[in-house]
Amino acid sequence: MFIPGHIIDQAIDAVMSARDFCGNERDAVKQIADDHGIADKAKIVKLHRIANFRANARWRTAQIKAGVNPKHIF
């Protein structure tokens, strides 16, 4: 089940935006999937998992760069 990198990148950005604006991450990823014609539910779930995992990593990296105390980074 291959998902192109540019779609994953857009899903990561959508997850980060949803977090910034207290939106629904799952709906944001579903919208990206719809925009690219992905209708397979298993593929959408996989896209959400990948995007969520990578968004968490991006967020942790941003916290470290900002100087957040490591005991507060999870």
PDB file of N, CA and C in Angstrom:
ATOM      1  N   MET A   1       0.854  -1.167   0.000  1.00  0.00           N
ATOM      2  CA  MET A   1       0.000   0.000   0.000  1.00  0.00           C
ATOM      3  C   MET A   1       0.905   1.237   0.000  1.00  0.00           C
ATOM      4  N   PHE A   2       1.198   1.754  -1.153  1.00  0.00           N
ATOM      5  CA  PHE A   2       2.118   2.870  -1.319  1.00  0.00           C
ATOM      6  C   PHE A   2       1.370   4.197  -1.266  1.00  0.00           C
ATOM      7  N   ILE A   3       1.922   5.129  -0.498  1.00  0.00           N
ATOM      8  CA  ILE A   3       1.388   6.489  -0.444  1.00  0.00           C
ATOM      9  C   ILE A   3       2.540   7.416  -0.818  1.00  0.00           C
ATOM     10  N   PRO A   4       2.401   8.189  -1.888  1.00  0.00           N
ATOM     11  CA  PRO A   4       3.488   9.082  -2.313  1.00  0.00           C
ATOM     12  C   PRO A   4       3.894  10.082  -1.225  1.00  0.00           C
ATOM     13  N   GLY A   5       5.167  10.430  -1.221  1.00  0.00           N
ATOM     14  CA  GLY A   5       5.721  11.315  -0.211  1.00  0.00           C
ATOM     15  C   GLY A   5       5.070  12.680  -0.154  1.00  0.00           C
ATOM     16  N   HIS A   6       4.695  13.239  -1.313  1.00  0.00           N
ATOM     17  CA  HIS A   6       4.092  14.579  -1.291  1.00  0.00           C
ATOM     18  C   HIS A   6       2.725  14.574  -0.602  1.00  0.00           C
ATOM     19  N   ILE A   7       2.016  13.451  -0.683  1.00  0.00           N
ATOM     20  CA  ILE A   7       0.728  13.349   0.002  1.00  0.00           C
ATOM     21  C   ILE A   7       0.958  13.245   1.507  1.00  0.00           C
ATOM     22  N   ILE A   8       1.963  12.477   1.900  1.00  0.00           N
ATOM     23  CA  ILE A   8       2.298  12.359   3.323  1.00  0.00           C
ATOM     24  C   ILE A   8       2.701  13.719   3.879  1.00  0.00           C
ATOM     25  N   ASP A   9       3.513  14.450   3.122  1.00  0.00           N
ATOM     26  CA  ASP A   9       3.938  15.783   3.570  1.00  0.00           C
ATOM     27  C   ASP A   9       2.742  16.718   3.757  1.00  0.00           C
ATOM     28  N   GLN A  10       1.793  16.665   2.843  1.00  0.00           N
ATOM     29  CA  GLN A  10       0.591  17.494   2.968  1.00  0.00           C
ATOM     30  C   GLN A  10      -0.232  17.071   4.182  1.00  0.00           C
ATOM     31  N   ALA A  11      -0.294  15.767   4.438  1.00  0.00           N
ATOM     32  CA  ALA A  11      -1.039  15.269   5.597  1.00  0.00           C
ATOM     33  C   ALA A  11      -0.368  15.717   6.898  1.00  0.00           C
ATOM     34  N   ILE A  12       0.972  15.698   6.937  1.00  0.00           N
ATOM     35  CA  ILE A  12       1.694  16.179   8.121  1.00  0.00           C
ATOM     36  C   ILE A  12       1.365  17.646   8.362  1.00  0.00           C
ATOM     37  N   ASP A  13       1.417  18.446   7.317  1.00  0.00           N
ATOM     38  CA  ASP A  13       1.090  19.872   7.437  1.00  0.00           C
ATOM     39  C   ASP A  13      -0.351  20.062   7.917  1.00  0.00           C
ATOM     40  N   ALA A  14      -1.260  19.222   7.438  1.00  0.00           N
ATOM     41  CA  ALA A  14      -2.662  19.320   7.842  1.00  0.00           C
ATOM     42  C   ALA A  14      -2.820  18.973   9.324  1.00  0.00           C
ATOM     43  N   VAL A  15      -2.101  17.963   9.787  1.00  0.00           N
ATOM     44  CA  VAL A  15      -2.154  17.582  11.200  1.00  0.00           C
ATOM     45  C   VAL A  15      -1.608  18.718  12.062  1.00  0.00           C
ATOM     46  N   MET A  16      -0.480  19.297  11.653  1.00  0.00           N
ATOM     47  CA  MET A  16       0.108  20.394  12.420  1.00  0.00           C
ATOM     48  C   MET A  16      -0.833  21.596  12.457  1.00  0.00           C
ATOM     49  N   SER A  17      -1.476  21.900  11.348  1.00  0.00           N
ATOM     50  CA  SER A  17      -2.428  23.018  11.310  1.00  0.00           C
ATOM     51  C   SER A  17      -3.634  22.731  12.196  1.00  0.00           C
ATOM     52  N   ALA A  18      -4.107  21.491  12.160  1.00  0.00           N
ATOM     53  CA  ALA A  18      -5.244  21.125  13.008  1.00  0.00           C
ATOM     54  C   ALA A  18      -4.883  21.293  14.479  1.00  0.00           C
ATOM     55  N   ARG A  19      -3.669  20.933  14.840  1.00  0.00           N
ATOM     56  CA  ARG A  19      -3.232  21.109  16.221  1.00  0.00           C
ATOM     57  C   ARG A  19      -3.134  22.584  16.581  1.00  0.00           C
ATOM     58  N   ASP A  20      -2.613  23.376  15.680  1.00  0.00           N
ATOM     59  CA  ASP A  20      -2.468  24.810  15.941  1.00  0.00           C
ATOM     60  C   ASP A  20      -3.814  25.484  16.167  1.00  0.00           C
ATOM     61  N   PHE A  21      -4.825  25.047  15.435  1.00  0.00           N
ATOM     62  CA  PHE A  21      -6.127  25.709  15.488  1.00  0.00           C
ATOM     63  C   PHE A  21      -7.198  24.867  16.181  1.00  0.00           C
ATOM     64  N   CYS A  22      -6.765  23.882  16.992  1.00  0.00           N
ATOM     65  CA  CYS A  22      -7.682  23.020  17.749  1.00  0.00           C
ATOM     66  C   CYS A  22      -8.715  22.359  16.838  1.00  0.00           C
ATOM     67  N   GLY A  23      -8.253  21.907  15.681  1.00  0.00           N
ATOM     68  CA  GLY A  23      -9.135  21.232  14.731  1.00  0.00           C
ATOM     69  C   GLY A  23      -9.076  19.728  14.903  1.00  0.00           C
ATOM     70  N   ASN A  24      -9.758  19.037  14.055  1.00  0.00           N
ATOM     71  CA  ASN A  24      -9.801  17.587  14.083  1.00  0.00           C
ATOM     72  C   ASN A  24      -8.738  17.043  13.132  1.00  0.00           C
ATOM     73  N   GLU A  25      -7.728  16.396  13.687  1.00  0.00           N
ATOM     74  CA  GLU A  25      -6.628  15.880  12.879  1.00  0.00           C
ATOM     75  C   GLU A  25      -7.106  14.825  11.882  1.00  0.00           C
ATOM     76  N   ARG A  26      -7.981  13.961  12.326  1.00  0.00           N
ATOM     77  CA  ARG A  26      -8.469  12.888  11.466  1.00  0.00           C
ATOM     78  C   ARG A  26      -9.220  13.447  10.258  1.00  0.00           C
ATOM     79  N   ASP A  27     -10.047  14.455  10.504  1.00  0.00           N
ATOM     80  CA  ASP A  27     -10.778  15.092   9.403  1.00  0.00           C
ATOM     81  C   ASP A  27      -9.825  15.804   8.438  1.00  0.00           C
ATOM     82  N   ALA A  28      -8.775  16.402   8.998  1.00  0.00           N
ATOM     83  CA  ALA A  28      -7.798  17.098   8.157  1.00  0.00           C
ATOM     84  C   ALA A  28      -7.096  16.119   7.216  1.00  0.00           C
ATOM     85  N   VAL A  29      -6.707  14.966   7.744  1.00  0.00           N
ATOM     86  CA  VAL A  29      -6.054  13.940   6.915  1.00  0.00           C
ATOM     87  C   VAL A  29      -7.044  13.384   5.900  1.00  0.00           C
ATOM     88  N   LYS A  30      -8.283  13.181   6.316  1.00  0.00           N
ATOM     89  CA  LYS A  30      -9.302  12.670   5.391  1.00  0.00           C
ATOM     90  C   LYS A  30      -9.502  13.637   4.232  1.00  0.00           C
ATOM     91  N   GLN A  31      -9.454  14.936   4.519  1.00  0.00           N
ATOM     92  CA  GLN A  31      -9.607  15.933   3.459  1.00  0.00           C
ATOM     93  C   GLN A  31      -8.449  15.847   2.463  1.00  0.00           C
ATOM     94  N   ILE A  32      -7.231  15.661   2.953  1.00  0.00           N
ATOM     95  CA  ILE A  32      -6.078  15.502   2.068  1.00  0.00           C
ATOM     96  C   ILE A  32      -6.260  14.255   1.211  1.00  0.00           C
ATOM     97  N   ALA A  33      -6.710  13.174   1.833  1.00  0.00           N
ATOM     98  CA  ALA A  33      -6.943  11.929   1.084  1.00  0.00           C
ATOM     99  C   ALA A  33      -8.001  12.148   0.003  1.00  0.00           C
ATOM    100  N   ASP A  34      -9.080  12.844   0.353  1.00  0.00           N
ATOM    101  CA  ASP A  34     -10.137  13.140  -0.622  1.00  0.00           C
ATOM    102  C   ASP A  34      -9.603  13.992  -1.778  1.00  0.00           C
ATOM    103  N   ASP A  35      -8.756  14.958  -1.445  1.00  0.00           N
ATOM    104  CA  ASP A  35      -8.184  15.832  -2.475  1.00  0.00           C
ATOM    105  C   ASP A  35      -7.357  15.048  -3.491  1.00  0.00           C
ATOM    106  N   HIS A  36      -6.787  13.932  -3.053  1.00  0.00           N
ATOM    107  CA  HIS A  36      -5.946  13.119  -3.934  1.00  0.00           C
ATOM    108  C   HIS A  36      -6.652  11.851  -4.424  1.00  0.00           C
ATOM    109  N   GLY A  37      -7.942  11.769  -4.187  1.00  0.00           N
ATOM    110  CA  GLY A  37      -8.721  10.649  -4.698  1.00  0.00           C
ATOM    111  C   GLY A  37      -8.483   9.335  -3.978  1.00  0.00           C
ATOM    112  N   ILE A  38      -8.036   9.388  -2.738  1.00  0.00           N
ATOM    113  CA  ILE A  38      -7.820   8.164  -1.956  1.00  0.00           C
ATOM    114  C   ILE A  38      -9.112   7.866  -1.207  1.00  0.00           C
ATOM    115  N   ALA A  39      -9.746   6.750  -1.548  1.00  0.00           N
ATOM    116  CA  ALA A  39     -11.018   6.392  -0.929  1.00  0.00           C
ATOM    117  C   ALA A  39     -10.909   5.138  -0.069  1.00  0.00           C
ATOM    118  N   ASP A  40      -9.827   4.384  -0.216  1.00  0.00           N
ATOM    119  CA  ASP A  40      -9.622   3.150   0.544  1.00  0.00           C
ATOM    120  C   ASP A  40      -9.425   3.484   2.021  1.00  0.00           C
ATOM    121  N   LYS A  41     -10.333   2.977   2.853  1.00  0.00           N
ATOM    122  CA  LYS A  41     -10.303   3.306   4.285  1.00  0.00           C
ATOM    123  C   LYS A  41      -8.988   2.873   4.938  1.00  0.00           C
ATOM    124  N   ALA A  42      -8.470   1.719   4.575  1.00  0.00           N
ATOM    125  CA  ALA A  42      -7.213   1.240   5.151  1.00  0.00           C
ATOM    126  C   ALA A  42      -6.061   2.173   4.781  1.00  0.00           C
ATOM    127  N   LYS A  43      -6.075   2.689   3.587  1.00  0.00           N
ATOM    128  CA  LYS A  43      -5.030   3.603   3.140  1.00  0.00           C
ATOM    129  C   LYS A  43      -5.122   4.943   3.875  1.00  0.00           C
ATOM    130  N   ILE A  44      -6.345   5.390   4.140  1.00  0.00           N
ATOM    131  CA  ILE A  44      -6.543   6.635   4.888  1.00  0.00           C
ATOM    132  C   ILE A  44      -6.056   6.472   6.327  1.00  0.00           C
ATOM    133  N   VAL A  45      -6.354   5.331   6.930  1.00  0.00           N
ATOM    134  CA  VAL A  45      -5.890   5.064   8.295  1.00  0.00           C
ATOM    135  C   VAL A  45      -4.366   5.035   8.329  1.00  0.00           C
ATOM    136  N   LYS A  46      -3.762   4.395   7.345  1.00  0.00           N
ATOM    137  CA  LYS A  46      -2.297   4.344   7.275  1.00  0.00           C
ATOM    138  C   LYS A  46      -1.724   5.744   7.100  1.00  0.00           C
ATOM    139  N   LEU A  47      -2.329   6.542   6.240  1.00  0.00           N
ATOM    140  CA  LEU A  47      -1.875   7.919   6.025  1.00  0.00           C
ATOM    141  C   LEU A  47      -1.962   8.706   7.328  1.00  0.00           C
ATOM    142  N   HIS A  48      -3.046   8.539   8.071  1.00  0.00           N
ATOM    143  CA  HIS A  48      -3.200   9.244   9.340  1.00  0.00           C
ATOM    144  C   HIS A  48      -2.130   8.818  10.339  1.00  0.00           C
ATOM    145  N   ARG A  49      -1.861   7.536  10.418  1.00  0.00           N
ATOM    146  CA  ARG A  49      -0.835   7.046  11.354  1.00  0.00           C
ATOM    147  C   ARG A  49       0.547   7.592  11.011  1.00  0.00           C
ATOM    148  N   ILE A  50       0.884   7.559   9.737  1.00  0.00           N
ATOM    149  CA  ILE A  50       2.194   8.073   9.306  1.00  0.00           C
ATOM    150  C   ILE A  50       2.291   9.572   9.588  1.00  0.00           C
ATOM    151  N   ALA A  51       1.256  10.305   9.212  1.00  0.00           N
ATOM    152  CA  ALA A  51       1.264  11.757   9.401  1.00  0.00           C
ATOM    153  C   ALA A  51       1.329  12.119  10.881  1.00  0.00           C
ATOM    154  N   ASN A  52       0.600  11.399  11.704  1.00  0.00           N
ATOM    155  CA  ASN A  52       0.595  11.669  13.132  1.00  0.00           C
ATOM    156  C   ASN A  52       1.972  11.398  13.742  1.00  0.00           C
ATOM    157  N   PHE A  53       2.579  10.278  13.371  1.00  0.00           N
ATOM    158  CA  PHE A  53       3.903   9.921  13.870  1.00  0.00           C
ATOM    159  C   PHE A  53       4.938  10.973  13.485  1.00  0.00           C
ATOM    160  N   ARG A  54       4.922  11.376  12.238  1.00  0.00           N
ATOM    161  CA  ARG A  54       5.906  12.361  11.763  1.00  0.00           C
ATOM    162  C   ARG A  54       5.624  13.756  12.302  1.00  0.00           C
ATOM    163  N   ALA A  55       4.354  14.095  12.504  1.00  0.00           N
ATOM    164  CA  ALA A  55       4.016  15.389  13.100  1.00  0.00           C
ATOM    165  C   ALA A  55       4.506  15.434  14.549  1.00  0.00           C
ATOM    166  N   ASN A  56       4.383  14.333  15.270  1.00  0.00           N
ATOM    167  CA  ASN A  56       4.899  14.273  16.639  1.00  0.00           C
ATOM    168  C   ASN A  56       6.411  14.494  16.649  1.00  0.00           C
ATOM    169  N   ALA A  57       7.110  13.861  15.726  1.00  0.00           N
ATOM    170  CA  ALA A  57       8.563  14.026  15.639  1.00  0.00           C
ATOM    171  C   ALA A  57       8.919  15.473  15.317  1.00  0.00           C
ATOM    172  N   ARG A  58       8.184  16.077  14.401  1.00  0.00           N
ATOM    173  CA  ARG A  58       8.443  17.474  14.036  1.00  0.00           C
ATOM    174  C   ARG A  58       8.198  18.385  15.239  1.00  0.00           C
ATOM    175  N   TRP A  59       7.140  18.097  15.992  1.00  0.00           N
ATOM    176  CA  TRP A  59       6.808  18.904  17.156  1.00  0.00           C
ATOM    177  C   TRP A  59       7.890  18.783  18.229  1.00  0.00           C
ATOM    178  N   ARG A  60       8.366  17.554  18.483  1.00  0.00           N
ATOM    179  CA  ARG A  60       9.440  17.359  19.465  1.00  0.00           C
ATOM    180  C   ARG A  60      10.705  18.102  19.049  1.00  0.00           C
ATOM    181  N   THR A  61      11.038  18.044  17.779  1.00  0.00           N
ATOM    182  CA  THR A  61      12.216  18.752  17.273  1.00  0.00           C
ATOM    183  C   THR A  61      12.061  20.260  17.484  1.00  0.00           C
ATOM    184  N   ALA A  62      10.892  20.794  17.226  1.00  0.00           N
ATOM    185  CA  ALA A  62      10.642  22.224  17.429  1.00  0.00           C
ATOM    186  C   ALA A  62      10.761  22.590  18.904  1.00  0.00           C
ATOM    187  N   GLN A  63      10.292  21.714  19.783  1.00  0.00           N
ATOM    188  CA  GLN A  63      10.398  21.977  21.219  1.00  0.00           C
ATOM    189  C   GLN A  63      11.864  22.008  21.658  1.00  0.00           C
ATOM    190  N   ILE A  64      12.648  21.067  21.165  1.00  0.00           N
ATOM    191  CA  ILE A  64      14.068  21.011  21.510  1.00  0.00           C
ATOM    192  C   ILE A  64      14.779  22.272  21.033  1.00  0.00           C
ATOM    193  N   LYS A  65      14.517  22.673  19.791  1.00  0.00           N
ATOM    194  CA  LYS A  65      15.134  23.882  19.240  1.00  0.00           C
ATOM    195  C   LYS A  65      14.718  25.132  20.006  1.00  0.00           C
ATOM    196  N   ALA A  66      13.511  25.122  20.560  1.00  0.00           N
ATOM    197  CA  ALA A  66      13.013  26.266  21.312  1.00  0.00           C
ATOM    198  C   ALA A  66      13.555  26.291  22.728  1.00  0.00           C
ATOM    199  N   GLY A  67      14.249  25.245  23.132  1.00  0.00           N
ATOM    200  CA  GLY A  67      14.837  25.206  24.464  1.00  0.00           C
ATOM    201  C   GLY A  67      13.914  24.737  25.561  1.00  0.00           C
ATOM    202  N   VAL A  68      12.884  23.988  25.209  1.00  0.00           N
ATOM    203  CA  VAL A  68      11.971  23.447  26.220  1.00  0.00           C
ATOM    204  C   VAL A  68      12.723  22.445  27.076  1.00  0.00           C
ATOM    205  N   ASN A  69      12.474  22.495  28.373  1.00  0.00           N
ATOM    206  CA  ASN A  69      13.109  21.565  29.291  1.00  0.00           C
ATOM    207  C   ASN A  69      12.779  20.126  28.851  1.00  0.00           C
ATOM    208  N   PRO A  70      13.792  19.276  28.694  1.00  0.00           N
ATOM    209  CA  PRO A  70      13.572  17.910  28.199  1.00  0.00           C
ATOM    210  C   PRO A  70      12.576  17.087  29.014  1.00  0.00           C
ATOM    211  N   LYS A  71      12.415  17.393  30.299  1.00  0.00           N
ATOM    212  CA  LYS A  71      11.467  16.615  31.091  1.00  0.00           C
ATOM    213  C   LYS A  71      10.020  16.934  30.717  1.00  0.00           C
ATOM    214  N   HIS A  72       9.819  18.021  29.967  1.00  0.00           N
ATOM    215  CA  HIS A  72       8.463  18.383  29.535  1.00  0.00           C
ATOM    216  C   HIS A  72       8.170  17.962  28.094  1.00  0.00           C
ATOM    217  N   ILE A  73       9.135  17.333  27.457  1.00  0.00           N
ATOM    218  CA  ILE A  73       8.948  16.863  26.084  1.00  0.00           C
ATOM    219  C   ILE A  73       8.587  15.394  26.119  1.00  0.00           C
ATOM    220  N   PHE A  74       7.482  15.055  25.495  1.00  0.00           N
ATOM    221  CA  PHE A  74       7.075  13.645  25.445  1.00  0.00           C
ATOM    222  C   PHE A  74       6.818  13.205  24.054  1.00  0.00           C
TER     223      PHE A  74
END
